[in-house]
Amino acid sequence: MAKKLLVERKGGKYLSKGIKIIEDPTKLSPALNKTTLKILREIAKKPSYPKEIAKNLKLDRQVVYYYIHKLENSGLIKVVKEMRKKGAICKFYLPISDAFGFELTSKQEALSLKETSKVEEFFEEFIASGMFDGSIVVGSPLQHGPFLTAARDGHYAIQLAMFLGSFCELPKKYVVKLDTEVKAEHEERRNMILIGGPITNMISNEINDKLKIRFIWIETWKIFSELSKKEYVDEDLGIIAKIKNPWDETKRIILLSGLKFEGTKSCIIAIIQFFDSILKNYESGKDFFCLIRGLDRDGDGKVDDIGVVEKLIV
């Protein structure tokens, strides 16, 4: 039995799993009925023993023992551990591969597999499975929150979502949420991309003190950097940050926000068009803080370039 890879393209990524190529297809016969397929799929989730398999699948225990014996004799499953339970030895089984098959010809097709880009690394927790995992959170367009403000930057989620769609698929569940919805539904314990700062987005307000480059109020709203100890007030400045989710540290939060909506727009442009320079030296697993400035090189009043003012990776 030769082992190869089964490759599937999802979104902009190639995903693979091991497939066992079986030279004698008759050895697959024990797997070719509904019951054995159920058993194989059950133990593919985690190693299990016949009594537990029978209970989980609501099958007769002797039926499970019969099919386990056939699968083991055909070499499709193996014992991975033994454990004594109530005086008996329980054998835990696992399939020898994630997939099985046989080949009709030796014909092969060349694939061009691209390397993972920095932007894919930056959004890895959101796109790694090939399906978007998380929420894009925008401020409510109605007056709300501690500052009773209405957000004007929610439409930037459209541009960001279209960009992320080139790396993953969209789940059936709606991924864009208002900050008021996240609060009302208690959905903070997940991966979140926050658009807008603490003035208009309540979730951004709650994580603001976790940022090394953050928003502060001293007579007016400013951006403060712990790195340089400087304060900034320009409307074309924005913060791009990535931190652990304080509600669940297995999840991540990405913030894209300026002092005003112009700065937020600059952050979206930066992460979509200029990620190579913005994310230079980014390291997976570390917190990331970048203060950027939107630039108008051609003088038409629109941002067409991005400058990095400060960056901190910790």
Protein backbone atom coordinates (compact mmCIF):
# COMPACT_ATOMS: atom_id res chain seq x y z
CA MET A 1 0.00 0.00 0.00
CA ALA A 2 1.57 3.29 -1.14
CA LYS A 3 0.76 6.53 0.66
CA LYS A 4 0.20 9.72 -1.31
CA LEU A 5 -1.47 13.08 -0.78
CA LEU A 6 -5.01 14.04 -1.72
CA VAL A 7 -4.95 17.75 -2.59
CA GLU A 8 -7.96 20.06 -2.61
CA ARG A 9 -8.13 23.75 -3.41
CA LYS A 10 -10.31 25.84 -1.06
CA GLY A 11 -10.44 29.58 -1.49
CA GLY A 12 -6.88 30.62 -2.26
CA LYS A 13 -5.26 27.72 -0.40
CA TYR A 14 -4.31 24.12 -1.15
CA LEU A 15 -5.26 21.64 1.58
CA SER A 16 -4.03 18.06 1.69
CA LYS A 17 -4.60 14.81 3.54
CA GLY A 18 -2.89 11.45 3.31
CA ILE A 19 -4.53 8.84 1.05
CA LYS A 20 -3.59 5.18 1.08
CA ILE A 21 -3.39 3.79 -2.46
CA ILE A 22 -4.32 0.10 -2.33
CA GLU A 23 -2.92 -2.12 -5.09
CA ASP A 24 -5.51 -4.86 -4.51
CA PRO A 25 -8.94 -3.11 -4.54
CA THR A 26 -10.64 -6.19 -3.06
CA LYS A 27 -9.06 -5.24 0.27
CA LEU A 28 -11.41 -2.25 0.30
CA SER A 29 -14.52 -4.47 0.29
CA PRO A 30 -14.97 -4.48 4.11
CA ALA A 31 -15.34 -0.68 3.98
CA LEU A 32 -17.96 -0.67 1.24
CA ASN A 33 -21.15 -0.65 3.27
CA LYS A 34 -22.96 1.95 5.38
CA THR A 35 -22.14 0.40 8.75
CA THR A 36 -18.40 0.09 8.23
CA LEU A 37 -18.26 3.61 6.80
CA LYS A 38 -19.96 4.87 9.96
CA ILE A 39 -17.41 3.00 12.09
CA LEU A 40 -14.45 4.31 10.07
CA ARG A 41 -15.70 7.89 10.29
CA GLU A 42 -16.29 7.52 14.03
CA ILE A 43 -12.79 6.27 14.84
CA ALA A 44 -11.26 8.80 12.42
CA LYS A 45 -12.42 11.51 14.85
CA LYS A 46 -10.50 9.90 17.72
CA PRO A 47 -9.30 6.39 18.63
CA SER A 48 -12.08 4.30 20.15
CA TYR A 49 -12.89 0.73 21.24
CA PRO A 50 -15.83 -1.43 20.04
CA LYS A 51 -18.09 -0.99 23.08
CA GLU A 52 -17.73 2.81 22.93
CA ILE A 53 -18.22 2.78 19.14
CA ALA A 54 -21.42 0.75 19.52
CA LYS A 55 -22.75 3.16 22.14
CA ASN A 56 -21.94 6.30 20.11
CA LEU A 57 -23.41 4.91 16.88
CA LYS A 58 -26.34 3.11 18.57
CA LEU A 59 -25.32 -0.20 17.02
CA ASP A 60 -25.35 -3.74 18.38
CA ARG A 61 -22.01 -4.48 20.04
CA GLN A 62 -21.56 -7.82 18.27
CA VAL A 63 -22.12 -6.12 14.89
CA VAL A 64 -19.38 -3.63 15.69
CA TYR A 65 -17.00 -6.42 16.79
CA TYR A 66 -17.71 -8.27 13.53
CA TYR A 67 -16.90 -5.30 11.30
CA ILE A 68 -13.90 -4.21 13.37
CA HIS A 69 -12.48 -7.73 12.90
CA LYS A 70 -12.98 -7.53 9.11
CA LEU A 71 -11.46 -4.04 8.88
CA GLU A 72 -8.44 -5.06 10.96
CA ASN A 73 -7.84 -8.23 8.89
CA SER A 74 -7.94 -6.12 5.71
CA GLY A 75 -5.32 -3.77 7.13
CA LEU A 76 -7.58 -0.69 7.01
CA ILE A 77 -7.47 -0.02 10.76
CA LYS A 78 -4.90 -0.62 13.49
CA VAL A 79 -4.70 -0.83 17.28
CA VAL A 80 -3.09 2.34 18.64
CA LYS A 81 -3.39 1.59 22.37
CA GLU A 82 -4.81 -0.85 24.90
CA MET A 83 -6.44 0.00 28.21
CA ARG A 84 -7.90 -2.10 31.02
CA LYS A 85 -11.55 -1.21 31.80
CA LYS A 86 -13.54 -3.13 34.44
CA GLY A 87 -11.20 -6.10 34.24
CA ALA A 88 -11.23 -6.33 30.42
CA ILE A 89 -8.63 -5.17 27.89
CA CYS A 90 -10.05 -2.57 25.51
CA LYS A 91 -8.32 -2.10 22.16
CA PHE A 92 -8.51 1.39 20.67
CA TYR A 93 -8.63 1.49 16.86
CA LEU A 94 -7.73 4.16 14.32
CA PRO A 95 -7.81 4.09 10.47
CA ILE A 96 -4.35 3.70 8.95
CA SER A 97 -5.05 6.70 6.70
CA ASP A 98 -7.42 9.67 6.34
CA ALA A 99 -8.55 8.35 2.94
CA PHE A 100 -8.31 5.18 0.81
CA GLY A 101 -8.30 4.62 -2.94
CA PHE A 102 -6.82 2.86 -5.94
CA GLU A 103 -5.34 4.20 -9.18
CA LEU A 104 -6.46 3.43 -12.72
CA THR A 105 -3.42 5.01 -14.45
CA SER A 106 -0.10 6.53 -13.44
CA LYS A 107 -0.97 9.85 -15.12
CA GLN A 108 -0.06 12.88 -12.98
CA GLU A 109 -0.79 16.61 -13.17
CA ALA A 110 1.69 19.29 -12.18
CA LEU A 111 0.47 21.76 -9.54
CA SER A 112 1.67 25.26 -8.87
CA LEU A 113 1.40 25.58 -5.08
CA LYS A 114 2.00 29.12 -3.90
CA GLU A 115 3.84 29.90 -0.71
CA THR A 116 1.85 31.29 2.18
CA SER A 117 2.00 35.08 2.05
CA LYS A 118 2.40 37.39 5.02
CA VAL A 119 -1.22 38.46 4.80
CA GLU A 120 -2.32 34.80 4.99
CA GLU A 121 -0.15 34.38 8.08
CA PHE A 122 -1.68 37.53 9.59
CA PHE A 123 -5.23 36.25 9.08
CA GLU A 124 -4.35 32.56 9.64
CA GLU A 125 -6.78 31.99 12.54
CA PHE A 126 -9.60 33.33 10.36
CA ILE A 127 -8.84 31.48 7.09
CA ALA A 128 -6.70 28.42 7.89
CA SER A 129 -9.55 25.90 7.55
CA GLY A 130 -10.51 27.24 4.11
CA MET A 131 -13.73 28.64 5.62
CA PHE A 132 -13.85 32.07 7.29
CA ASP A 133 -13.84 31.54 11.05
CA GLY A 134 -14.91 34.57 13.07
CA SER A 135 -16.79 37.85 12.85
CA ILE A 136 -16.14 41.21 11.21
CA VAL A 137 -17.47 43.67 13.79
CA VAL A 138 -18.50 47.20 12.81
CA GLY A 139 -19.96 50.00 14.88
CA SER A 140 -23.70 50.52 14.84
CA PRO A 141 -24.85 53.37 12.54
CA LEU A 142 -27.16 54.52 15.36
CA GLN A 143 -26.08 56.56 18.38
CA HIS A 144 -24.91 54.05 20.97
CA GLY A 145 -22.27 53.16 23.51
CA PRO A 146 -20.60 55.23 26.23
CA PHE A 147 -19.92 58.11 23.80
CA LEU A 148 -23.35 58.02 22.10
CA THR A 149 -21.82 58.10 18.63
CA ALA A 150 -22.94 56.69 15.27
CA ALA A 151 -20.39 54.82 13.13
CA ARG A 152 -19.69 55.96 9.56
CA ASP A 153 -17.15 53.29 8.57
CA GLY A 154 -19.20 50.07 8.54
CA HIS A 155 -19.23 49.91 4.73
CA TYR A 156 -15.47 49.27 4.78
CA ALA A 157 -16.32 45.71 5.85
CA ILE A 158 -17.44 45.06 2.26
CA GLN A 159 -14.00 45.81 0.82
CA LEU A 160 -12.29 43.73 3.50
CA ALA A 161 -14.66 40.77 3.06
CA MET A 162 -14.12 40.75 -0.71
CA PHE A 163 -10.37 40.67 -0.12
CA LEU A 164 -10.54 37.83 2.42
CA GLY A 165 -12.76 35.92 -0.01
CA SER A 166 -9.70 35.30 -2.18
CA PHE A 167 -8.22 33.18 0.63
CA CYS A 168 -11.24 31.33 2.00
CA GLU A 169 -14.90 30.58 1.52
CA LEU A 170 -17.79 32.32 3.23
CA PRO A 171 -19.80 30.23 5.74
CA LYS A 172 -23.58 30.14 5.66
CA LYS A 173 -23.69 32.05 8.93
CA TYR A 174 -23.58 35.85 8.50
CA VAL A 175 -20.08 37.00 9.45
CA VAL A 176 -20.55 40.80 9.66
CA LYS A 177 -22.02 41.94 12.97
CA LEU A 178 -22.74 45.24 14.68
CA ASP A 179 -20.93 45.85 17.95
CA THR A 180 -24.33 46.09 19.63
CA GLU A 181 -25.21 42.60 18.34
CA VAL A 182 -21.97 41.11 19.66
CA LYS A 183 -22.68 42.60 23.09
CA ALA A 184 -26.33 41.52 23.14
CA GLU A 185 -25.55 37.96 22.00
CA HIS A 186 -22.41 37.61 24.18
CA GLU A 187 -20.29 36.56 21.19
CA GLU A 188 -16.98 38.08 22.27
CA ARG A 189 -15.32 34.67 22.71
CA ARG A 190 -14.36 34.19 19.06
CA ASN A 191 -11.99 35.49 16.38
CA MET A 192 -12.97 39.07 15.58
CA ILE A 193 -11.88 41.73 13.11
CA LEU A 194 -12.87 45.10 14.55
CA ILE A 195 -13.45 48.02 12.22
CA GLY A 196 -13.47 51.41 13.90
CA GLY A 197 -12.07 52.64 17.20
CA PRO A 198 -13.37 53.06 20.75
CA ILE A 199 -15.48 56.09 19.88
CA THR A 200 -17.81 54.20 17.54
CA ASN A 201 -17.18 50.49 18.24
CA MET A 202 -17.89 49.24 21.77
CA ILE A 203 -15.76 46.10 21.32
CA SER A 204 -12.78 48.24 20.24
CA ASN A 205 -13.36 50.36 23.34
CA GLU A 206 -13.17 47.29 25.59
CA ILE A 207 -9.86 46.03 24.16
CA ASN A 208 -8.25 49.48 23.76
CA ASP A 209 -6.26 49.26 27.02
CA LYS A 210 -4.67 45.98 25.78
CA LEU A 211 -2.98 47.80 22.88
CA LYS A 212 0.63 49.05 22.91
CA ILE A 213 -0.44 51.68 20.36
CA ARG A 214 -3.88 52.83 21.47
CA PHE A 215 -6.44 55.62 21.63
CA ILE A 216 -6.45 58.04 24.58
CA TRP A 217 -8.60 60.97 25.64
CA ILE A 218 -6.79 64.15 26.75
CA GLU A 219 -9.12 67.06 25.95
CA THR A 220 -9.54 65.36 22.57
CA TRP A 221 -9.01 61.88 21.15
CA LYS A 222 -5.39 61.03 20.33
CA ILE A 223 -3.25 58.02 19.48
CA PHE A 224 -0.58 57.15 22.04
CA SER A 225 2.41 54.86 21.46
CA GLU A 226 4.08 53.03 24.34
CA LEU A 227 7.06 52.49 22.02
CA SER A 228 7.94 56.15 21.42
CA LYS A 229 5.80 57.73 24.18
CA LYS A 230 4.46 60.09 21.49
CA GLU A 231 0.92 61.35 20.98
CA TYR A 232 -0.65 61.79 17.54
CA VAL A 233 -3.76 63.71 16.47
CA ASP A 234 -3.74 63.58 12.63
CA GLU A 235 -6.94 62.29 11.03
CA ASP A 236 -5.10 60.29 8.36
CA LEU A 237 -3.45 58.04 10.98
CA GLY A 238 -4.69 54.56 11.80
CA ILE A 239 -3.86 51.58 13.98
CA ILE A 240 -3.49 48.03 12.67
CA ALA A 241 -3.19 45.61 15.59
CA LYS A 242 -3.48 41.92 16.33
CA ILE A 243 -3.74 40.58 19.87
CA LYS A 244 -5.04 37.58 21.81
CA ASN A 245 -8.74 37.80 22.51
CA PRO A 246 -9.02 38.78 26.22
CA TRP A 247 -12.31 36.84 26.48
CA ASP A 248 -10.70 33.66 25.09
CA GLU A 249 -6.93 33.58 24.55
CA THR A 250 -7.19 30.74 22.03
CA LYS A 251 -8.83 33.27 19.68
CA ARG A 252 -7.45 36.44 18.07
CA ILE A 253 -8.62 40.01 17.55
CA ILE A 254 -7.51 42.24 14.67
CA LEU A 255 -8.18 45.98 14.91
CA LEU A 256 -8.35 48.31 11.89
CA SER A 257 -9.10 51.84 13.07
CA GLY A 258 -8.23 55.49 12.77
CA LEU A 259 -9.04 58.51 14.90
CA LYS A 260 -11.65 59.37 12.27
CA PHE A 261 -13.17 57.33 9.45
CA GLU A 262 -10.43 58.60 7.08
CA GLY A 263 -7.82 56.80 9.21
CA THR A 264 -9.92 53.63 9.29
CA LYS A 265 -10.15 53.72 5.50
CA SER A 266 -6.36 54.06 5.35
CA CYS A 267 -6.04 50.91 7.50
CA ILE A 268 -8.26 48.94 5.11
CA ILE A 269 -6.23 50.17 2.12
CA ALA A 270 -3.00 49.33 3.94
CA ILE A 271 -3.94 45.72 4.74
CA ILE A 272 -5.38 45.07 1.26
CA GLN A 273 -2.92 46.84 -1.04
CA PHE A 274 0.29 47.33 0.95
CA PHE A 275 0.44 44.31 3.23
CA ASP A 276 3.97 43.36 2.13
CA SER A 277 5.45 46.49 3.73
CA ILE A 278 2.93 46.74 6.59
CA LEU A 279 3.42 43.12 7.67
CA LYS A 280 7.17 42.94 7.06
CA ASN A 281 8.79 41.03 9.95
CA TYR A 282 5.39 39.89 11.25
CA GLU A 283 5.72 36.65 13.24
CA SER A 284 2.85 34.24 13.73
CA GLY A 285 1.67 33.98 17.34
CA LYS A 286 3.04 37.35 18.42
CA ASP A 287 1.10 40.53 19.15
CA PHE A 288 1.38 43.11 16.38
CA PHE A 289 0.91 46.90 16.52
CA CYS A 290 1.42 49.25 13.60
CA LEU A 291 0.68 52.96 13.30
CA ILE A 292 0.18 53.90 9.65
CA ARG A 293 -0.46 57.09 7.74
CA GLY A 294 -2.54 57.39 4.59
CA LEU A 295 -0.68 59.28 1.83
CA ASP A 296 -1.95 61.15 -1.21
CA ARG A 297 0.93 60.91 -3.69
CA ASP A 298 -0.89 62.21 -6.78
CA GLY A 299 -2.70 65.08 -5.04
CA ASP A 300 -6.25 64.03 -5.98
CA GLY A 301 -7.46 64.08 -2.38
CA LYS A 302 -7.56 60.26 -2.09
CA VAL A 303 -5.21 57.89 -0.29
CA ASP A 304 -3.02 56.04 -2.78
CA ASP A 305 -0.06 55.04 -0.59
CA ILE A 306 0.70 54.11 3.00
CA GLY A 307 3.55 55.07 5.31
CA VAL A 308 4.55 53.16 8.45
CA VAL A 309 4.99 55.59 11.36
CA GLU A 310 5.70 53.06 14.14
CA LYS A 311 5.63 49.29 14.46
CA LEU A 312 5.92 46.97 17.43
CA ILE A 313 5.92 43.14 17.46
CA VAL A 314 5.96 41.49 20.88
